[in-house]
C-alpha atoms as a PDB file:
ATOM      1  CA  MET A   1      14.878   3.047  16.189  1.00  0.00           C
ATOM      2  CA  SER A   2      11.110   3.524  16.041  1.00  0.00           C
ATOM      3  CA  VAL A   3       8.843   0.616  15.254  1.00  0.00           C
ATOM      4  CA  TRP A   4       7.377   2.708  12.423  1.00  0.00           C
ATOM      5  CA  PHE A   5      10.810   3.047  10.797  1.00  0.00           C
ATOM      6  CA  ARG A   6      11.126  -0.734  10.906  1.00  0.00           C
ATOM      7  CA  VAL A   7       7.644  -1.197   9.465  1.00  0.00           C
ATOM      8  CA  ALA A   8       8.484   1.374   6.755  1.00  0.00           C
ATOM      9  CA  ALA A   9      11.677  -0.512   5.895  1.00  0.00           C
ATOM     10  CA  LEU A  10       9.796  -3.798   5.506  1.00  0.00           C
ATOM     11  CA  SER A  11       6.974  -2.173   3.562  1.00  0.00           C
ATOM     12  CA  GLY A  12       9.334  -0.237   1.297  1.00  0.00           C
ATOM     13  CA  SER A  13      11.488  -3.248   0.517  1.00  0.00           C
ATOM     14  CA  SER A  14       8.439  -5.398  -0.209  1.00  0.00           C
ATOM     15  CA  SER A  15       7.084  -2.676  -2.523  1.00  0.00           C
ATOM     16  CA  ILE A  16      10.345  -2.749  -4.501  1.00  0.00           C
ATOM     17  CA  ALA A  17      10.180  -6.544  -4.731  1.00  0.00           C
ATOM     18  CA  ALA A  18       6.542  -6.392  -5.860  1.00  0.00           C
ATOM     19  CA  GLY A  19       7.409  -3.723  -8.429  1.00  0.00           C
ATOM     20  CA  ALA A  20      10.264  -5.814  -9.796  1.00  0.00           C
ATOM     21  CA  TYR A  21       7.999  -8.831 -10.096  1.00  0.00           C
ATOM     22  CA  GLY A  22       5.344  -6.740 -11.822  1.00  0.00           C
ATOM     23  CA  ALA A  23       7.867  -5.333 -14.289  1.00  0.00           C
ATOM     24  CA  HIS A  24       9.751  -8.541 -15.067  1.00  0.00           C
ATOM     25  CA  GLY A  25       7.620 -11.553 -14.192  1.00  0.00           C
ATOM     26  CA  LEU A  26       3.928 -10.731 -14.369  1.00  0.00           C
ATOM     27  CA  THR A  27       2.005 -11.239 -17.601  1.00  0.00           C
ATOM     28  CA  VAL A  28      -1.655 -10.259 -17.337  1.00  0.00           C
ATOM     29  CA  ASP A  29      -4.167  -8.261 -19.355  1.00  0.00           C
ATOM     30  CA  PRO A  30      -3.485  -4.508 -19.503  1.00  0.00           C
ATOM     31  CA  PRO A  31      -6.342  -3.517 -17.129  1.00  0.00           C
ATOM     32  CA  LEU A  32      -5.070  -5.921 -14.468  1.00  0.00           C
ATOM     33  CA  MET A  33      -1.492  -4.747 -15.002  1.00  0.00           C
ATOM     34  CA  LYS A  34      -2.701  -1.191 -14.495  1.00  0.00           C
ATOM     35  CA  ALA A  35      -4.373  -2.232 -11.223  1.00  0.00           C
ATOM     36  CA  TYR A  36      -1.157  -3.968 -10.107  1.00  0.00           C
ATOM     37  CA  GLU A  37       0.945  -0.917 -10.943  1.00  0.00           C
ATOM     38  CA  ASN A  38      -1.492   1.408  -9.157  1.00  0.00           C
ATOM     39  CA  GLY A  39      -1.369  -0.795  -6.062  1.00  0.00           C
ATOM     40  CA  ASN A  40       2.415  -0.816  -6.225  1.00  0.00           C
ATOM     41  CA  ARG A  41       2.693   2.952  -6.647  1.00  0.00           C
ATOM     42  CA  LEU A  42       0.523   3.586  -3.590  1.00  0.00           C
ATOM     43  CA  HIS A  43       2.396   0.870  -1.677  1.00  0.00           C
ATOM     44  CA  MET A  44       5.669   2.735  -2.291  1.00  0.00           C
ATOM     45  CA  LEU A  45       4.219   6.150  -1.458  1.00  0.00           C
ATOM     46  CA  HIS A  46       2.670   5.045   1.795  1.00  0.00           C
ATOM     47  CA  SER A  47       5.814   3.162   2.810  1.00  0.00           C
ATOM     48  CA  VAL A  48       7.482   6.576   2.915  1.00  0.00           C
ATOM     49  CA  MET A  49       4.621   7.925   5.007  1.00  0.00           C
ATOM     50  CA  LEU A  50       5.153   5.113   7.512  1.00  0.00           C
ATOM     51  CA  ALA A  51       8.706   6.402   8.009  1.00  0.00           C
ATOM     52  CA  VAL A  52       7.280   9.857   8.755  1.00  0.00           C
ATOM     53  CA  CYS A  53       4.878   8.571  11.419  1.00  0.00           C
ATOM     54  CA  PRO A  54       7.316   8.853  14.370  1.00  0.00           C
ATOM     55  CA  MET A  55       7.415  12.613  13.782  1.00  0.00           C
ATOM     56  CA  LEU A  56       3.643  13.032  14.051  1.00  0.00           C
ATOM     57  CA  ARG A  57       1.587  13.971  17.092  1.00  0.00           C
ATOM     58  CA  ARG A  58      -0.379  10.722  16.881  1.00  0.00           C
ATOM     59  CA  PRO A  59       2.097   8.286  15.358  1.00  0.00           C
ATOM     60  CA  HIS A  60       0.256   5.074  16.177  1.00  0.00           C
ATOM     61  CA  LEU A  61      -3.101   6.269  14.863  1.00  0.00           C
ATOM     62  CA  SER A  62      -1.627   7.497  11.587  1.00  0.00           C
ATOM     63  CA  GLY A  63       0.723   4.531  11.290  1.00  0.00           C
ATOM     64  CA  CYS A  64      -2.020   1.972  11.779  1.00  0.00           C
ATOM     65  CA  LEU A  65      -4.240   3.718   9.254  1.00  0.00           C
ATOM     66  CA  PHE A  66      -1.447   4.006   6.676  1.00  0.00           C
ATOM     67  CA  LEU A  67      -0.372   0.402   7.220  1.00  0.00           C
ATOM     68  CA  GLY A  68      -3.880  -1.059   7.181  1.00  0.00           C
ATOM     69  CA  GLY A  69      -5.013   1.043   4.243  1.00  0.00           C
ATOM     70  CA  THR A  70      -1.934   0.147   2.235  1.00  0.00           C
ATOM     71  CA  ALA A  71      -2.259  -3.555   3.019  1.00  0.00           C
ATOM     72  CA  VAL A  72      -5.917  -3.669   2.018  1.00  0.00           C
ATOM     73  CA  PHE A  73      -5.695  -1.371  -1.030  1.00  0.00           C
ATOM     74  CA  SER A  74      -2.430  -2.639  -2.496  1.00  0.00           C
ATOM     75  CA  GLY A  75      -3.059  -6.214  -1.408  1.00  0.00           C
ATOM     76  CA  SER A  76      -6.407  -6.170  -3.183  1.00  0.00           C
ATOM     77  CA  CYS A  77      -4.844  -4.755  -6.364  1.00  0.00           C
ATOM     78  CA  TYR A  78      -2.024  -7.308  -6.238  1.00  0.00           C
ATOM     79  CA  PHE A  79      -4.439 -10.177  -5.614  1.00  0.00           C
ATOM     80  CA  ALA A  80      -6.715  -9.151  -8.495  1.00  0.00           C
ATOM     81  CA  ALA A  81      -3.779  -9.150 -10.916  1.00  0.00           C
ATOM     82  CA  LEU A  82      -2.123 -12.308  -9.592  1.00  0.00           C
ATOM     83  CA  SER A  83      -5.390 -14.263  -9.639  1.00  0.00           C
ATOM     84  CA  ASN A  84      -6.258 -12.799 -13.068  1.00  0.00           C
ATOM     85  CA  ASP A  85      -9.700 -11.899 -11.689  1.00  0.00           C
ATOM     86  CA  ARG A  86     -10.735  -8.259 -11.406  1.00  0.00           C
ATOM     87  CA  ARG A  87     -13.427  -9.185  -8.849  1.00  0.00           C
ATOM     88  CA  ASN A  88     -10.676  -9.884  -6.318  1.00  0.00           C
ATOM     89  CA  GLY A  89      -9.975  -6.162  -6.206  1.00  0.00           C
ATOM     90  CA  ARG A  90     -13.306  -5.453  -4.542  1.00  0.00           C
ATOM     91  CA  PHE A  91     -11.720  -4.510  -1.205  1.00  0.00           C
ATOM     92  CA  ALA A  92      -9.569  -1.752  -2.710  1.00  0.00           C
ATOM     93  CA  PRO A  93     -12.151   0.967  -1.904  1.00  0.00           C
ATOM     94  CA  ILE A  94     -12.020   0.004   1.779  1.00  0.00           C
ATOM     95  CA  GLY A  95      -8.236   0.356   1.779  1.00  0.00           C
ATOM     96  CA  GLY A  96      -8.511   3.610  -0.152  1.00  0.00           C
ATOM     97  CA  THR A  97     -10.917   4.985   2.433  1.00  0.00           C
ATOM     98  CA  ALA A  98      -8.508   4.033   5.219  1.00  0.00           C
ATOM     99  CA  LEU A  99      -5.728   5.867   3.370  1.00  0.00           C
ATOM    100  CA  ILE A 100      -7.878   8.987   3.063  1.00  0.00           C
ATOM    101  CA  VAL A 101      -8.562   8.844   6.803  1.00  0.00           C
ATOM    102  CA  ALA A 102      -4.830   8.300   7.420  1.00  0.00           C
ATOM    103  CA  TRP A 103      -4.014  11.500   5.560  1.00  0.00           C
ATOM    104  CA  LEU A 104      -6.730  13.344   7.477  1.00  0.00           C
ATOM    105  CA  SER A 105      -5.255  12.035  10.739  1.00  0.00           C
ATOM    106  CA  LEU A 106      -2.252  14.275  10.066  1.00  0.00           C
ATOM    107  CA  LEU A 107      -4.525  17.186  10.996  1.00  0.00           C
ATOM    108  CA  LEU A 108      -4.940  15.894  14.566  1.00  0.00           C
END
C-alpha cells in the first residue's frame, strides 16, 4: 500500500472527526463557524486527492503540496474558530496558494 494512501486515510478520518466536532460540539460566532466549515470542506476534498497521488506522474511533489496546503489552510481555519479569534486564520492564504500549486502540479 502506498504511503499516500495511508496519509489519505489518516487525513480523511481526521476530517470526519473535525467535521463531527464542528457540527456537534463547536459553538462560535457564525463567521468563525463558516471559516471552520470551509476549512473542513477543503480538508475532506484534499484528503481524496491524497489518495489519487500514487497514480500521478509526480506523486511526491503533488502529495507534499496537497498535504502541506491542506494542513496550513484547514489548520488555520480550525485554529481561528477554536481560539475564537479571526486573526489566527492569517496563514490560510499561504495554504490556499500551496493548494493552487498542488492542482497545477497535476499538469507536470
